[in-house]
C-alpha cells in the first residue's frame, strides 16, 4: 500500500499553538506530514529567518514525539515542492472567513497549475481559532508574555530575544 503524505506549508513566523494544533491533527490523518516553512516571509515585521523557524518547529515536533512529521524549507512554488516529493495533498488552516477567501484563491491557483494536487482545509481547535502569528509578532514587540499563544520552543526563542535586548 502506498504511503500517504501531506504537506502543511506556511511562513510560521512564529509558529503558534494554532499551527501546532493542525500539525498534530494532520499527523494523525497521514502516514507522513511535511511541514514546509517558507524560505522568505513577506510578512511585515518578521521575527525569525527561515532556519530559525525550521529549527523551532523541529524542536517542538521532536518534543511531542511526532515521528511521522518532517520539517523542510520551502524555496519554490508549492506545487513544484509537492511534485518533487510525490505529494498530492496540501493542508491549509482556516480560522475565519477572510482566511478562507485568501486560501480559496490560492487553492484554485494551485489546482490550475497542478490539478493532481488537492487542498484540504482544516480548522484549528476552537480555543485556538483567535490566535494569529501577526498578533503574536505585535505582542512580542511590546514584551508581552506569549506562553498562551506559542509553542515552548517559540516561547524560549522569544524570551532569549527579549533578554538579548
N, C-alpha and C. Protein backbone atom coordinates (compact mmCIF):
# COMPACT_ATOMS: atom_id res chain seq x y z
N UNK A 1 0.85 -1.18 0.00
CA UNK A 1 0.00 0.00 0.00
C UNK A 1 0.90 1.24 0.00
N UNK A 2 0.53 2.23 -0.79
CA UNK A 2 1.32 3.46 -0.91
C UNK A 2 1.19 4.30 0.37
N UNK A 3 2.29 4.93 0.70
CA UNK A 3 2.29 5.79 1.88
C UNK A 3 1.58 7.10 1.52
N UNK A 4 0.72 7.56 2.40
CA UNK A 4 0.00 8.81 2.19
C UNK A 4 0.74 9.94 2.90
N UNK A 5 1.12 10.93 2.11
CA UNK A 5 1.87 12.08 2.63
C UNK A 5 1.12 13.35 2.31
N UNK A 6 1.17 14.30 3.24
CA UNK A 6 0.58 15.63 3.04
C UNK A 6 1.64 16.67 3.37
N UNK A 7 1.45 17.85 2.81
CA UNK A 7 2.32 18.99 3.08
C UNK A 7 1.50 20.08 3.76
N UNK A 8 2.03 20.62 4.84
CA UNK A 8 1.42 21.76 5.53
C UNK A 8 2.39 22.93 5.38
N UNK A 9 2.12 23.85 4.43
CA UNK A 9 3.02 24.96 4.18
C UNK A 9 2.63 26.21 4.96
N UNK A 10 3.61 27.06 5.18
CA UNK A 10 3.35 28.35 5.82
C UNK A 10 4.63 29.09 6.12
N UNK A 11 4.46 30.32 6.57
CA UNK A 11 5.64 31.08 6.99
C UNK A 11 5.99 30.74 8.43
N UNK A 12 4.98 30.48 9.25
CA UNK A 12 5.18 30.10 10.65
C UNK A 12 6.10 31.10 11.35
N UNK A 13 5.79 32.38 11.22
CA UNK A 13 6.64 33.42 11.82
C UNK A 13 5.84 34.25 12.81
N UNK A 14 5.78 33.77 14.05
CA UNK A 14 6.26 32.48 14.53
C UNK A 14 5.15 31.44 14.48
N UNK A 15 5.55 30.20 14.74
CA UNK A 15 4.55 29.14 14.83
C UNK A 15 3.72 29.38 16.09
N UNK A 16 2.42 29.31 15.94
CA UNK A 16 1.51 29.50 17.07
C UNK A 16 0.99 28.13 17.53
N UNK A 17 0.29 28.15 18.65
CA UNK A 17 -0.34 26.92 19.12
C UNK A 17 -1.40 26.45 18.12
N UNK A 18 -2.02 27.38 17.40
CA UNK A 18 -2.98 27.00 16.36
C UNK A 18 -2.31 26.23 15.24
N UNK A 19 -1.14 26.71 14.79
CA UNK A 19 -0.38 25.97 13.78
C UNK A 19 -0.03 24.57 14.29
N UNK A 20 0.46 24.52 15.52
CA UNK A 20 0.90 23.23 16.06
C UNK A 20 -0.28 22.28 16.25
N UNK A 21 -1.43 22.81 16.59
CA UNK A 21 -2.65 22.00 16.69
C UNK A 21 -2.92 21.32 15.35
N UNK A 22 -2.79 22.06 14.25
CA UNK A 22 -3.03 21.47 12.93
C UNK A 22 -1.96 20.44 12.59
N UNK A 23 -0.71 20.70 12.97
CA UNK A 23 0.36 19.73 12.73
C UNK A 23 0.03 18.41 13.43
N UNK A 24 -0.34 18.49 14.70
CA UNK A 24 -0.65 17.28 15.46
C UNK A 24 -1.84 16.53 14.87
N UNK A 25 -2.86 17.25 14.49
CA UNK A 25 -4.06 16.60 13.96
C UNK A 25 -3.84 16.04 12.57
N UNK A 26 -3.12 16.77 11.71
CA UNK A 26 -2.82 16.26 10.36
C UNK A 26 -1.90 15.06 10.43
N UNK A 27 -1.00 15.03 11.41
CA UNK A 27 -0.08 13.89 11.57
C UNK A 27 -0.84 12.61 11.90
N UNK A 28 -2.02 12.73 12.47
CA UNK A 28 -2.85 11.56 12.76
C UNK A 28 -3.57 11.05 11.50
N UNK A 29 -3.76 11.95 10.54
CA UNK A 29 -4.51 11.59 9.33
C UNK A 29 -3.63 11.01 8.22
N UNK A 30 -2.34 11.31 8.27
CA UNK A 30 -1.43 10.91 7.19
C UNK A 30 -0.26 10.11 7.73
N UNK A 31 0.26 9.22 6.90
CA UNK A 31 1.44 8.44 7.28
C UNK A 31 2.65 9.34 7.49
N UNK A 32 2.74 10.40 6.68
CA UNK A 32 3.86 11.32 6.74
C UNK A 32 3.34 12.74 6.49
N UNK A 33 3.75 13.66 7.33
CA UNK A 33 3.40 15.07 7.15
C UNK A 33 4.69 15.86 7.02
N UNK A 34 4.76 16.66 5.96
CA UNK A 34 5.90 17.55 5.77
C UNK A 34 5.43 18.96 6.10
N UNK A 35 6.06 19.58 7.08
CA UNK A 35 5.80 20.99 7.37
C UNK A 35 6.78 21.77 6.51
N UNK A 36 6.26 22.53 5.56
CA UNK A 36 7.07 23.27 4.60
C UNK A 36 7.12 24.74 5.01
N UNK A 37 8.28 25.17 5.48
CA UNK A 37 8.47 26.52 6.01
C UNK A 37 8.99 27.43 4.90
N UNK A 38 8.23 28.46 4.59
CA UNK A 38 8.61 29.38 3.52
C UNK A 38 9.98 29.99 3.79
N UNK A 39 10.84 29.94 2.76
CA UNK A 39 12.21 30.45 2.89
C UNK A 39 12.22 31.95 3.13
N UNK A 40 11.28 32.64 2.53
CA UNK A 40 11.18 34.08 2.73
C UNK A 40 9.79 34.42 3.23
N UNK A 41 9.72 35.48 4.00
CA UNK A 41 8.45 35.92 4.54
C UNK A 41 8.15 37.32 4.05
N UNK A 42 6.97 37.48 3.50
CA UNK A 42 6.54 38.81 3.08
C UNK A 42 5.80 39.52 4.20
N UNK A 43 5.75 38.86 5.35
CA UNK A 43 5.04 39.42 6.49
C UNK A 43 5.79 40.63 7.02
N UNK A 44 5.03 41.67 7.32
CA UNK A 44 5.62 42.87 7.88
C UNK A 44 6.13 42.59 9.29
N UNK A 45 7.35 43.03 9.57
CA UNK A 45 7.91 42.86 10.90
C UNK A 45 8.26 41.43 11.23
N UNK A 46 8.81 40.70 10.27
CA UNK A 46 9.18 39.30 10.50
C UNK A 46 10.09 39.19 11.72
N UNK A 47 9.88 38.16 12.51
CA UNK A 47 10.66 37.95 13.72
C UNK A 47 11.86 37.04 13.50
N UNK A 48 11.69 35.98 12.70
CA UNK A 48 12.72 34.96 12.58
C UNK A 48 13.02 34.66 11.12
N UNK A 49 14.28 34.32 10.84
CA UNK A 49 14.63 33.87 9.50
C UNK A 49 14.19 32.42 9.34
N UNK A 50 14.25 31.92 8.12
CA UNK A 50 13.77 30.56 7.84
C UNK A 50 14.49 29.49 8.65
N UNK A 51 15.83 29.51 8.73
CA UNK A 51 16.48 28.45 9.53
C UNK A 51 16.02 28.43 10.98
N UNK A 52 15.80 29.59 11.58
CA UNK A 52 15.32 29.63 12.97
C UNK A 52 13.91 29.05 13.07
N UNK A 53 13.04 29.39 12.11
CA UNK A 53 11.67 28.87 12.13
C UNK A 53 11.66 27.36 11.95
N UNK A 54 12.49 26.85 11.04
CA UNK A 54 12.59 25.41 10.82
C UNK A 54 13.06 24.72 12.11
N UNK A 55 14.08 25.26 12.73
CA UNK A 55 14.63 24.64 13.94
C UNK A 55 13.64 24.63 15.10
N UNK A 56 12.88 25.72 15.26
CA UNK A 56 11.89 25.75 16.34
C UNK A 56 10.81 24.70 16.12
N UNK A 57 10.35 24.57 14.88
CA UNK A 57 9.31 23.59 14.59
C UNK A 57 9.85 22.18 14.81
N UNK A 58 11.08 21.93 14.35
CA UNK A 58 11.70 20.61 14.58
C UNK A 58 11.79 20.31 16.07
N UNK A 59 12.14 21.32 16.86
CA UNK A 59 12.26 21.13 18.31
C UNK A 59 10.92 20.73 18.93
N UNK A 60 9.85 21.42 18.54
CA UNK A 60 8.53 21.09 19.09
C UNK A 60 8.01 19.75 18.59
N UNK A 61 8.26 19.44 17.31
CA UNK A 61 7.85 18.15 16.75
C UNK A 61 8.54 17.01 17.51
N UNK A 62 9.84 17.16 17.75
CA UNK A 62 10.60 16.12 18.49
C UNK A 62 10.11 16.01 19.92
N UNK A 63 9.84 17.14 20.56
CA UNK A 63 9.40 17.13 21.96
C UNK A 63 8.05 16.43 22.12
N UNK A 64 7.24 16.42 21.06
CA UNK A 64 5.93 15.77 21.13
C UNK A 64 5.94 14.37 20.50
N UNK A 65 7.12 13.90 20.12
CA UNK A 65 7.24 12.54 19.59
C UNK A 65 6.50 12.31 18.29
N UNK A 66 6.43 13.32 17.45
CA UNK A 66 5.73 13.18 16.17
C UNK A 66 6.70 12.63 15.12
N UNK A 67 6.96 11.34 15.18
CA UNK A 67 7.97 10.70 14.34
C UNK A 67 7.64 10.74 12.85
N UNK A 68 6.38 10.90 12.51
CA UNK A 68 5.99 10.93 11.10
C UNK A 68 5.94 12.34 10.52
N UNK A 69 6.46 13.32 11.25
CA UNK A 69 6.47 14.71 10.79
C UNK A 69 7.91 15.12 10.51
N UNK A 70 8.14 15.66 9.31
CA UNK A 70 9.43 16.25 8.97
C UNK A 70 9.22 17.72 8.65
N UNK A 71 10.29 18.49 8.78
CA UNK A 71 10.22 19.93 8.55
C UNK A 71 11.26 20.28 7.50
N UNK A 72 10.83 20.98 6.46
CA UNK A 72 11.72 21.36 5.37
C UNK A 72 11.50 22.82 5.01
N UNK A 73 12.50 23.40 4.35
CA UNK A 73 12.37 24.76 3.84
C UNK A 73 11.69 24.71 2.48
N UNK A 74 10.74 25.59 2.27
CA UNK A 74 10.02 25.72 1.00
C UNK A 74 10.62 26.90 0.26
N UNK A 75 11.36 26.61 -0.81
CA UNK A 75 12.01 27.69 -1.56
C UNK A 75 11.67 27.64 -3.05
N UNK A 76 10.46 27.17 -3.32
CA UNK A 76 9.96 27.08 -4.70
C UNK A 76 8.45 27.27 -4.66
N UNK A 77 7.83 27.17 -5.82
CA UNK A 77 6.37 27.14 -5.83
C UNK A 77 5.91 25.91 -5.06
N UNK A 78 4.85 26.06 -4.32
CA UNK A 78 4.34 24.95 -3.51
C UNK A 78 4.05 23.73 -4.37
N UNK A 79 3.45 23.92 -5.54
CA UNK A 79 3.11 22.76 -6.37
C UNK A 79 4.36 22.03 -6.85
N UNK A 80 5.44 22.76 -7.11
CA UNK A 80 6.69 22.11 -7.51
C UNK A 80 7.29 21.34 -6.33
N UNK A 81 7.23 21.92 -5.14
CA UNK A 81 7.68 21.26 -3.92
C UNK A 81 6.94 19.93 -3.76
N UNK A 82 5.62 19.96 -3.94
CA UNK A 82 4.80 18.75 -3.80
C UNK A 82 5.13 17.72 -4.87
N UNK A 83 5.25 18.17 -6.11
CA UNK A 83 5.55 17.24 -7.20
C UNK A 83 6.88 16.52 -6.97
N UNK A 84 7.90 17.25 -6.54
CA UNK A 84 9.21 16.65 -6.31
C UNK A 84 9.16 15.57 -5.25
N UNK A 85 8.21 15.67 -4.33
CA UNK A 85 8.11 14.72 -3.23
C UNK A 85 6.97 13.72 -3.42
N UNK A 86 6.27 13.81 -4.54
CA UNK A 86 5.17 12.89 -4.81
C UNK A 86 3.98 13.09 -3.89
N UNK A 87 3.75 14.32 -3.46
CA UNK A 87 2.67 14.64 -2.52
C UNK A 87 1.47 15.18 -3.28
N UNK A 88 0.29 14.65 -2.95
CA UNK A 88 -0.92 15.06 -3.65
C UNK A 88 -1.91 15.81 -2.76
N UNK A 89 -1.53 16.09 -1.48
CA UNK A 89 -2.44 16.78 -0.56
C UNK A 89 -1.70 17.91 0.14
N UNK A 90 -2.32 19.09 0.10
CA UNK A 90 -1.82 20.27 0.81
C UNK A 90 -2.82 20.60 1.91
N UNK A 91 -2.32 20.75 3.12
CA UNK A 91 -3.15 21.12 4.26
C UNK A 91 -3.06 22.64 4.43
N UNK A 92 -4.19 23.28 4.57
CA UNK A 92 -4.21 24.72 4.83
C UNK A 92 -5.14 24.99 6.01
N UNK A 93 -4.70 25.84 6.90
CA UNK A 93 -5.51 26.20 8.06
C UNK A 93 -6.39 27.40 7.76
N UNK A 94 -7.63 27.33 8.20
CA UNK A 94 -8.54 28.47 8.07
C UNK A 94 -9.23 28.68 9.42
N UNK A 95 -9.20 29.93 9.86
CA UNK A 95 -9.81 30.27 11.15
C UNK A 95 -11.11 31.03 10.95
N UNK A 96 -11.09 32.00 10.06
CA UNK A 96 -12.23 32.87 9.85
C UNK A 96 -12.49 33.01 8.35
N UNK A 97 -13.59 33.65 7.99
CA UNK A 97 -13.98 33.75 6.59
C UNK A 97 -12.91 34.43 5.75
N UNK A 98 -12.26 35.45 6.28
CA UNK A 98 -11.23 36.15 5.49
C UNK A 98 -10.07 35.21 5.16
N UNK A 99 -9.72 34.29 6.07
CA UNK A 99 -8.71 33.27 5.76
C UNK A 99 -9.17 32.42 4.59
N UNK A 100 -10.45 32.03 4.62
CA UNK A 100 -10.97 31.16 3.58
C UNK A 100 -10.90 31.83 2.22
N UNK A 101 -11.23 33.11 2.14
CA UNK A 101 -11.19 33.81 0.86
C UNK A 101 -9.80 33.75 0.24
N UNK A 102 -8.78 34.05 1.03
CA UNK A 102 -7.40 34.01 0.56
C UNK A 102 -6.99 32.58 0.19
N UNK A 103 -7.27 31.64 1.08
CA UNK A 103 -6.87 30.25 0.86
C UNK A 103 -7.60 29.64 -0.33
N UNK A 104 -8.85 30.03 -0.54
CA UNK A 104 -9.63 29.54 -1.67
C UNK A 104 -8.98 29.99 -2.98
N UNK A 105 -8.56 31.25 -3.06
CA UNK A 105 -7.88 31.77 -4.25
C UNK A 105 -6.59 30.99 -4.51
N UNK A 106 -5.82 30.76 -3.44
CA UNK A 106 -4.56 30.03 -3.58
C UNK A 106 -4.82 28.59 -4.01
N UNK A 107 -5.84 27.96 -3.44
CA UNK A 107 -6.16 26.57 -3.80
C UNK A 107 -6.56 26.47 -5.27
N UNK A 108 -7.34 27.42 -5.75
CA UNK A 108 -7.74 27.39 -7.16
C UNK A 108 -6.56 27.65 -8.08
N UNK A 109 -5.67 28.54 -7.68
CA UNK A 109 -4.46 28.79 -8.46
C UNK A 109 -3.61 27.53 -8.52
N UNK A 110 -3.41 26.90 -7.37
CA UNK A 110 -2.63 25.66 -7.33
C UNK A 110 -3.29 24.56 -8.15
N UNK A 111 -4.61 24.49 -8.11
CA UNK A 111 -5.32 23.48 -8.89
C UNK A 111 -5.11 23.71 -10.39
N UNK A 112 -5.08 24.97 -10.78
CA UNK A 112 -4.86 25.30 -12.19
C UNK A 112 -3.44 24.87 -12.62
N UNK A 113 -2.47 25.10 -11.72
CA UNK A 113 -1.08 24.75 -12.01
C UNK A 113 -0.82 23.25 -11.90
N UNK A 114 -1.53 22.60 -10.97
CA UNK A 114 -1.29 21.18 -10.69
C UNK A 114 -2.60 20.51 -10.29
N UNK A 115 -3.42 20.12 -11.27
CA UNK A 115 -4.73 19.54 -10.94
C UNK A 115 -4.66 18.26 -10.13
N UNK A 116 -3.51 17.61 -10.10
CA UNK A 116 -3.36 16.36 -9.34
C UNK A 116 -3.17 16.59 -7.85
N UNK A 117 -3.00 17.85 -7.44
CA UNK A 117 -2.77 18.17 -6.03
C UNK A 117 -4.03 18.78 -5.44
N UNK A 118 -4.53 18.18 -4.37
CA UNK A 118 -5.73 18.66 -3.70
C UNK A 118 -5.36 19.50 -2.48
N UNK A 119 -6.22 20.44 -2.14
CA UNK A 119 -6.06 21.25 -0.93
C UNK A 119 -7.13 20.85 0.06
N UNK A 120 -6.70 20.56 1.28
CA UNK A 120 -7.61 20.20 2.36
C UNK A 120 -7.58 21.33 3.39
N UNK A 121 -8.73 21.92 3.66
CA UNK A 121 -8.83 22.98 4.65
C UNK A 121 -9.14 22.37 6.02
N UNK A 122 -8.38 22.80 7.02
CA UNK A 122 -8.61 22.34 8.39
C UNK A 122 -8.76 23.56 9.29
N UNK A 123 -9.63 23.43 10.26
CA UNK A 123 -9.82 24.49 11.25
C UNK A 123 -9.07 24.12 12.51
N UNK A 124 -8.47 25.11 13.18
CA UNK A 124 -7.83 24.80 14.46
C UNK A 124 -8.89 24.53 15.51
N UNK A 125 -8.48 23.99 16.62
CA UNK A 125 -9.40 23.80 17.73
C UNK A 125 -10.02 25.14 18.11
N UNK A 126 -11.25 25.10 18.60
CA UNK A 126 -12.00 26.33 18.88
C UNK A 126 -11.25 27.28 19.81
N UNK A 127 -10.58 26.73 20.80
CA UNK A 127 -9.90 27.58 21.78
C UNK A 127 -8.65 28.25 21.21
N UNK A 128 -8.26 27.89 19.98
CA UNK A 128 -7.07 28.49 19.37
C UNK A 128 -7.40 29.29 18.10
N UNK A 129 -8.66 29.35 17.74
CA UNK A 129 -9.05 29.97 16.47
C UNK A 129 -8.74 31.46 16.40
N UNK A 130 -8.58 32.12 17.51
CA UNK A 130 -8.32 33.56 17.51
C UNK A 130 -6.83 33.89 17.44
N UNK A 131 -5.97 32.90 17.61
CA UNK A 131 -4.52 33.14 17.68
C UNK A 131 -3.95 33.29 16.27
N UNK A 132 -3.26 34.41 16.04
CA UNK A 132 -2.60 34.64 14.75
C UNK A 132 -1.13 34.97 14.98
N UNK A 133 -0.32 34.64 13.99
CA UNK A 133 1.10 34.96 14.07
C UNK A 133 1.31 36.47 14.10
N UNK A 134 0.48 37.23 13.38
CA UNK A 134 0.65 38.69 13.39
C UNK A 134 0.35 39.26 14.77
N UNK A 135 -0.63 38.71 15.46
CA UNK A 135 -0.91 39.15 16.83
C UNK A 135 0.28 38.83 17.73
N UNK A 136 0.83 37.64 17.58
CA UNK A 136 1.99 37.25 18.37
C UNK A 136 3.17 38.18 18.09
N UNK A 137 3.40 38.50 16.82
CA UNK A 137 4.51 39.42 16.48
C UNK A 137 4.30 40.77 17.16
N UNK A 138 3.07 41.26 17.16
CA UNK A 138 2.77 42.54 17.80
C UNK A 138 3.00 42.47 19.31
N UNK A 139 2.53 41.41 19.94
CA UNK A 139 2.74 41.23 21.37
C UNK A 139 4.23 41.13 21.70
N UNK A 140 4.97 40.46 20.83
CA UNK A 140 6.42 40.29 21.05
C UNK A 140 7.13 41.64 21.04
N UNK A 141 6.69 42.54 20.18
CA UNK A 141 7.32 43.87 20.11
C UNK A 141 7.21 44.62 21.44
N UNK A 142 6.16 44.32 22.18
CA UNK A 142 5.93 45.01 23.45
C UNK A 142 6.31 44.17 24.66
N UNK A 143 6.93 43.03 24.41
CA UNK A 143 7.43 42.22 25.50
C UNK A 143 6.37 41.49 26.31
N UNK A 144 5.20 41.25 25.74
CA UNK A 144 4.12 40.56 26.46
C UNK A 144 4.46 39.07 26.63
N UNK A 145 3.86 38.47 27.63
CA UNK A 145 4.02 37.02 27.84
C UNK A 145 3.23 36.30 26.76
N UNK A 146 3.90 35.47 26.00
CA UNK A 146 3.24 34.77 24.90
C UNK A 146 3.02 33.29 25.13
N UNK A 147 3.24 32.82 26.32
CA UNK A 147 3.16 31.38 26.58
C UNK A 147 1.78 30.80 26.26
N UNK A 148 0.74 31.60 26.27
CA UNK A 148 -0.61 31.10 25.96
C UNK A 148 -0.88 31.04 24.45
N UNK A 149 0.08 31.52 23.65
CA UNK A 149 -0.15 31.62 22.21
C UNK A 149 0.82 30.82 21.35
N UNK A 150 2.00 30.50 21.90
CA UNK A 150 3.04 29.86 21.10
C UNK A 150 3.53 28.57 21.76
N UNK A 151 4.23 27.78 20.98
CA UNK A 151 4.78 26.52 21.48
C UNK A 151 5.97 26.81 22.41
N UNK A 152 6.38 25.81 23.19
CA UNK A 152 7.51 26.02 24.10
C UNK A 152 8.80 26.45 23.39
N UNK A 153 9.10 25.88 22.24
CA UNK A 153 10.33 26.26 21.52
C UNK A 153 10.28 27.71 21.09
N UNK A 154 9.14 28.15 20.58
CA UNK A 154 9.00 29.54 20.15
C UNK A 154 9.08 30.46 21.36
N UNK A 155 8.42 30.08 22.44
CA UNK A 155 8.45 30.89 23.66
C UNK A 155 9.88 31.07 24.15
N UNK A 156 10.64 29.99 24.13
CA UNK A 156 12.04 30.04 24.57
C UNK A 156 12.84 31.00 23.68
N UNK A 157 12.65 30.93 22.38
CA UNK A 157 13.39 31.80 21.46
C UNK A 157 12.96 33.27 21.60
N UNK A 158 11.68 33.50 21.81
CA UNK A 158 11.22 34.86 22.01
C UNK A 158 11.79 35.43 23.31
N UNK A 159 11.84 34.60 24.35
CA UNK A 159 12.40 35.05 25.64
C UNK A 159 13.89 35.36 25.51
N UNK A 160 14.62 34.56 24.74
CA UNK A 160 16.04 34.83 24.57
C UNK A 160 16.28 36.08 23.75
N UNK A 161 15.37 36.37 22.81
CA UNK A 161 15.47 37.63 22.03
C UNK A 161 15.26 38.82 22.96
N UNK A 162 14.26 38.69 23.85
CA UNK A 162 13.95 39.77 24.79
C UNK A 162 15.12 39.99 25.75
N UNK A 163 15.73 38.91 26.21
CA UNK A 163 16.85 39.00 27.15
C UNK A 163 18.08 39.63 26.49
N UNK A 164 18.20 39.44 25.17
CA UNK A 164 19.36 39.98 24.45
C UNK A 164 19.25 41.48 24.20
N UNK A 165 18.07 42.01 24.35
CA UNK A 165 17.85 43.45 24.08
C UNK A 165 18.52 44.32 25.10
